[in-house]
Amino acid sequence: MMKEPYYLVDFNVSLANFDILINDVLAFSYNDGGSIYSNYPINHFILSSGVQQVKVRFKPLKNSQTIHHEAEAIIKIQYLDASTMDQEQLTTVYEYKMPKAKRDTLPMLESIGEFKAEVPYRLIGWSDASIIDIKNEVALERIHNYYRRIYTLFKDKDVNSLALLLKKRYEETDVSMYLDEDNIAGLNNIFKMLEAEGYIMQDFPETPQISLYAKNRIVNLVRENTSPVIFYLKKETNEEFGFPFYIHLPKGKNSFEIIR
């Protein structure tokens, strides 16, 4: 077994928007159309060794009702040893190639597959979280209030309070990514960068949208355009900065917790 197995999702997609979910949690989302060729680390969505699920959901381009008939995509799960980051060791454990469409008729295309991961850690994550019923108005209000609370802390640049609420996310992400980070310094640096470069925090969304993941154990609240609730804009150059986060409700507790 590799010393520090480091898993990535590799994507080469053209003429389609798409979501990639690892173990039913949104790992990467692309909504800009055109073409993209990149990769993204996914260890923090792998809680322990064993069989993992990968779901790819292809969506139409903006202002279209169906997937473009010339859309192409190859999605891979690969891994290497993070202790060396030797690209020559890169090994593919899963690959999906989008079937060629003859015409524009598909409103969405979804593929679900599996791959086996071997990791030297075990995370609690959302494995012991309660199922969230968003049809319950009280639960819905509590979710909105929690995101408003985080929004206010960002607006006030309250780094110490944010660091406490992000503690579990930081701890598990650092373990899974083999990192030893000063996360408080990292938060401070984010605020310094945003101020220095003239980013303006956008108002809390009027009609935020809720997404559920991990069999209704993880919640993500987003803006109407799917941007994160914590969202900054530099108008002169139209540059954006978002700070997405997912919450869950640990069993036996009555308050939400940021988990990713």
Protein backbone atom coordinates (compact mmCIF):
# COMPACT_ATOMS: atom_id res chain seq x y z
CA MET A 1 0.00 0.00 0.00
CA MET A 2 1.19 3.53 -0.76
CA LYS A 3 2.34 5.59 2.22
CA GLU A 4 -0.16 8.41 1.62
CA PRO A 5 -2.75 7.35 -1.01
CA TYR A 6 -4.10 10.53 -2.57
CA TYR A 7 -7.24 10.18 -4.69
CA LEU A 8 -8.29 12.59 -7.45
CA VAL A 9 -11.20 12.84 -9.82
CA ASP A 10 -9.90 13.71 -13.29
CA PHE A 11 -12.33 15.20 -15.82
CA ASN A 12 -12.11 16.08 -19.48
CA VAL A 13 -15.50 17.48 -20.52
CA SER A 14 -16.74 19.62 -23.39
CA LEU A 15 -20.17 21.10 -24.18
CA ALA A 16 -21.81 19.97 -20.94
CA ASN A 17 -22.28 21.12 -17.38
CA PHE A 18 -21.84 18.45 -14.74
CA ASP A 19 -21.75 17.44 -11.07
CA ILE A 20 -19.45 14.80 -9.59
CA LEU A 21 -20.55 13.21 -6.32
CA ILE A 22 -18.32 10.96 -4.21
CA ASN A 23 -20.25 8.78 -1.75
CA ASP A 24 -23.34 10.88 -2.52
CA VAL A 25 -21.66 14.17 -1.56
CA LEU A 26 -21.10 16.87 -4.15
CA ALA A 27 -17.33 17.02 -4.75
CA PHE A 28 -17.19 19.18 -7.88
CA SER A 29 -19.71 21.15 -9.91
CA TYR A 30 -19.20 22.88 -13.28
CA ASN A 31 -21.79 25.26 -14.71
CA ASP A 32 -19.82 27.44 -17.13
CA GLY A 33 -20.26 25.37 -20.31
CA GLY A 34 -17.42 25.23 -22.82
CA SER A 35 -14.60 22.82 -22.06
CA ILE A 36 -12.71 21.91 -18.91
CA TYR A 37 -9.77 19.58 -18.35
CA SER A 38 -8.63 19.36 -14.75
CA ASN A 39 -8.66 17.28 -11.57
CA TYR A 40 -9.78 17.67 -7.98
CA PRO A 41 -8.73 15.88 -4.75
CA ILE A 42 -11.42 13.73 -3.14
CA ASN A 43 -9.82 12.13 -0.05
CA HIS A 44 -11.99 14.28 2.26
CA PHE A 45 -15.08 12.54 0.81
CA ILE A 46 -13.59 9.08 1.53
CA LEU A 47 -14.26 8.25 5.18
CA SER A 48 -12.49 4.87 5.29
CA SER A 49 -11.05 2.10 3.15
CA GLY A 50 -13.37 0.00 1.02
CA VAL A 51 -15.79 0.43 -1.86
CA GLN A 52 -16.63 4.05 -2.72
CA GLN A 53 -19.38 5.38 -4.99
CA VAL A 54 -18.85 7.87 -7.81
CA LYS A 55 -21.84 9.53 -9.44
CA VAL A 56 -21.57 11.78 -12.49
CA ARG A 57 -24.52 13.92 -13.50
CA PHE A 58 -24.37 15.71 -16.85
CA LYS A 59 -26.64 18.72 -17.38
CA PRO A 60 -27.54 20.94 -20.36
CA LEU A 61 -25.63 24.11 -21.10
CA LYS A 62 -27.15 27.41 -19.96
CA ASN A 63 -30.39 28.36 -21.79
CA SER A 64 -30.75 24.82 -23.17
CA GLN A 65 -33.22 22.11 -22.16
CA THR A 66 -31.18 19.13 -23.36
CA ILE A 67 -27.58 17.93 -23.35
CA HIS A 68 -25.71 18.99 -26.48
CA HIS A 69 -25.44 16.09 -28.95
CA GLU A 70 -21.72 16.83 -29.41
CA ALA A 71 -20.97 16.75 -25.67
CA GLU A 72 -17.99 14.61 -24.73
CA ALA A 73 -16.67 13.50 -21.36
CA ILE A 74 -14.12 11.20 -19.79
CA ILE A 75 -14.17 10.96 -15.99
CA LYS A 76 -11.46 9.07 -14.09
CA ILE A 77 -10.65 8.32 -10.47
CA GLN A 78 -6.88 8.17 -10.02
CA TYR A 79 -4.47 7.99 -7.13
CA LEU A 80 -0.81 8.49 -6.31
CA ASP A 81 1.40 8.70 -3.22
CA ALA A 82 1.04 12.14 -1.63
CA SER A 83 4.37 11.73 0.15
CA THR A 84 6.15 11.91 -3.22
CA MET A 85 3.49 13.35 -5.59
CA ASP A 86 5.24 11.41 -8.34
CA GLN A 87 2.92 11.82 -11.36
CA GLU A 88 4.45 8.72 -12.97
CA GLN A 89 2.82 6.65 -10.21
CA LEU A 90 -0.64 7.92 -11.17
CA THR A 91 -2.96 4.90 -11.28
CA THR A 92 -6.51 4.85 -12.67
CA VAL A 93 -9.04 2.84 -10.63
CA TYR A 94 -12.22 3.99 -12.40
CA GLU A 95 -13.07 5.43 -15.80
CA TYR A 96 -16.30 6.55 -17.42
CA LYS A 97 -16.73 7.72 -21.01
CA MET A 98 -19.94 9.51 -21.97
CA PRO A 99 -21.82 7.68 -24.74
CA LYS A 100 -22.17 9.66 -27.94
CA ALA A 101 -25.67 11.09 -28.48
CA LYS A 102 -27.20 11.20 -31.95
CA ARG A 103 -29.33 14.29 -31.25
CA ASP A 104 -30.30 16.72 -28.51
CA THR A 105 -32.91 14.74 -26.59
CA LEU A 106 -31.49 14.04 -23.11
CA PRO A 107 -32.51 16.49 -20.35
CA MET A 108 -29.94 14.87 -18.04
CA LEU A 109 -27.54 11.91 -18.04
CA GLU A 110 -26.44 10.19 -14.85
CA SER A 111 -23.91 7.43 -14.29
CA ILE A 112 -23.17 5.63 -11.02
CA GLY A 113 -20.05 3.51 -10.52
CA GLU A 114 -17.74 2.19 -7.82
CA PHE A 115 -14.05 2.12 -7.04
CA LYS A 116 -12.03 0.65 -4.21
CA ALA A 117 -9.94 2.93 -2.01
CA GLU A 118 -7.26 2.04 0.52
CA VAL A 119 -6.57 4.83 3.02
CA PRO A 120 -4.60 4.83 6.33
CA TYR A 121 -7.30 6.72 8.25
CA ARG A 122 -10.91 6.37 9.40
CA LEU A 123 -13.12 9.46 9.71
CA ILE A 124 -16.48 9.76 11.48
CA GLY A 125 -17.67 12.42 9.03
CA TRP A 126 -21.40 12.15 8.43
CA SER A 127 -21.55 8.38 9.08
CA ASP A 128 -23.30 8.92 12.42
CA ALA A 129 -25.46 11.90 11.41
CA SER A 130 -29.23 12.20 11.68
CA ILE A 131 -31.46 12.20 8.61
CA ILE A 132 -32.70 15.73 7.91
CA ASP A 133 -36.33 16.32 6.93
CA ILE A 134 -36.39 19.58 4.97
CA LYS A 135 -40.17 19.30 4.59
CA ASN A 136 -40.31 20.08 8.30
CA GLU A 137 -40.62 23.88 8.55
CA VAL A 138 -38.84 23.98 11.91
CA ALA A 139 -35.85 22.07 10.51
CA LEU A 140 -35.82 24.33 7.45
CA GLU A 141 -35.80 27.45 9.60
CA ARG A 142 -32.95 26.08 11.72
CA ILE A 143 -30.88 25.42 8.58
CA HIS A 144 -31.46 28.97 7.32
CA ASN A 145 -30.63 30.39 10.75
CA TYR A 146 -27.39 28.42 10.96
CA TYR A 147 -26.24 29.69 7.57
CA ARG A 148 -27.23 33.23 8.58
CA ARG A 149 -25.11 32.82 11.70
CA ILE A 150 -22.06 31.81 9.65
CA TYR A 151 -22.80 34.63 7.20
CA THR A 152 -22.80 37.17 10.05
CA LEU A 153 -19.49 35.82 11.39
CA PHE A 154 -17.92 36.23 7.94
CA LYS A 155 -19.36 39.74 7.65
CA ASP A 156 -17.91 40.59 11.08
CA LYS A 157 -14.60 38.86 10.18
CA ASP A 158 -14.85 36.94 13.45
CA VAL A 159 -11.98 34.53 12.79
CA ASN A 160 -11.90 32.94 16.25
CA SER A 161 -15.62 32.05 16.27
CA LEU A 162 -15.39 30.75 12.69
CA ALA A 163 -12.34 28.64 13.52
CA LEU A 164 -14.28 26.95 16.35
CA LEU A 165 -17.24 26.16 14.08
CA LEU A 166 -14.95 24.91 11.27
CA LYS A 167 -12.82 22.81 13.64
CA LYS A 168 -14.27 19.41 12.71
CA ARG A 169 -14.09 20.14 8.99
CA TYR A 170 -10.49 21.29 9.27
CA GLU A 171 -9.46 18.32 11.43
CA GLU A 172 -10.92 15.68 9.13
CA THR A 173 -9.76 17.39 5.93
CA ASP A 174 -6.21 17.72 7.27
CA VAL A 175 -6.12 14.03 8.27
CA SER A 176 -7.46 12.85 4.90
CA MET A 177 -5.14 15.13 2.90
CA TYR A 178 -2.06 14.45 5.08
CA LEU A 179 -1.80 18.15 5.98
CA ASP A 180 -0.62 20.03 9.04
CA GLU A 181 -2.16 23.44 8.48
CA ASP A 182 -2.51 26.56 10.60
CA ASN A 183 -6.17 27.02 9.71
CA ILE A 184 -6.67 30.19 11.80
CA ALA A 185 -3.81 31.85 9.92
CA GLY A 186 -5.41 30.61 6.69
CA LEU A 187 -8.74 32.26 7.60
CA ASN A 188 -6.96 35.49 8.50
CA ASN A 189 -5.18 35.44 5.15
CA ILE A 190 -8.50 35.00 3.30
CA PHE A 191 -9.94 38.11 4.95
CA LYS A 192 -6.76 40.10 4.28
CA MET A 193 -6.82 39.09 0.61
CA LEU A 194 -10.51 39.96 0.20
CA GLU A 195 -9.99 43.40 1.73
CA ALA A 196 -6.75 44.15 -0.09
CA GLU A 197 -8.21 43.24 -3.48
CA GLY A 198 -11.51 45.05 -3.03
CA TYR A 199 -13.93 42.11 -2.87
CA ILE A 200 -17.42 42.98 -1.61
CA MET A 201 -19.50 40.45 0.33
CA GLN A 202 -22.86 39.92 -1.34
CA ASP A 203 -26.12 40.13 0.62
CA PHE A 204 -27.62 37.00 2.14
CA PRO A 205 -29.76 35.44 -0.63
CA GLU A 206 -33.48 36.22 -0.57
CA THR A 207 -34.53 32.75 -1.72
CA PRO A 208 -31.70 30.31 -0.94
CA GLN A 209 -31.93 26.79 -2.33
CA ILE A 210 -31.34 23.62 -0.31
CA SER A 211 -29.50 20.54 -1.54
CA LEU A 212 -29.33 17.29 0.42
CA TYR A 213 -26.51 14.75 0.18
CA ALA A 214 -25.31 11.53 1.81
CA LYS A 215 -28.81 10.06 1.95
CA ASN A 216 -30.27 13.23 3.49
CA ARG A 217 -27.56 13.54 6.14
CA ILE A 218 -25.70 16.54 4.71
CA VAL A 219 -27.19 19.93 3.83
CA ASN A 220 -25.89 22.62 1.52
CA LEU A 221 -27.63 25.98 1.29
CA VAL A 222 -26.80 27.93 -1.88
CA ARG A 223 -27.86 31.01 -3.81
CA GLU A 224 -30.38 30.91 -6.64
CA ASN A 225 -27.51 30.62 -9.15
CA THR A 226 -25.90 27.77 -7.09
CA SER A 227 -23.10 30.03 -5.77
CA PRO A 228 -22.28 29.63 -2.05
CA VAL A 229 -24.06 31.73 0.58
CA ILE A 230 -20.64 33.15 1.53
CA PHE A 231 -19.91 34.92 -1.73
CA TYR A 232 -17.75 37.94 -2.64
CA LEU A 233 -17.54 39.92 -5.86
CA LYS A 234 -14.90 42.26 -7.28
CA LYS A 235 -17.06 44.27 -9.67
CA GLU A 236 -14.29 46.02 -11.62
CA THR A 237 -12.91 42.72 -12.94
CA ASN A 238 -16.01 40.57 -12.31
CA GLU A 239 -13.92 38.20 -10.17
CA GLU A 240 -15.67 35.98 -7.63
CA PHE A 241 -14.71 34.30 -4.37
CA GLY A 242 -16.91 31.76 -2.62
CA PHE A 243 -16.55 29.86 0.64
CA PRO A 244 -18.84 26.81 0.41
CA PHE A 245 -19.52 24.58 3.39
CA TYR A 246 -21.76 21.62 4.21
CA ILE A 247 -23.49 21.00 7.54
CA HIS A 248 -24.91 17.96 9.29
CA LEU A 249 -26.67 17.10 12.54
CA PRO A 250 -24.60 14.65 14.67
CA LYS A 251 -26.75 12.02 16.37
CA GLY A 252 -27.55 12.91 19.95
CA LYS A 253 -27.01 16.62 19.31
CA ASN A 254 -29.55 19.33 18.61
CA SER A 255 -27.30 21.80 16.83
CA PHE A 256 -25.80 21.65 13.34
CA GLU A 257 -22.10 21.27 12.69
CA ILE A 258 -19.98 22.18 9.69
CA ILE A 259 -18.61 18.88 8.39
CA ARG A 260 -17.11 19.85 4.99
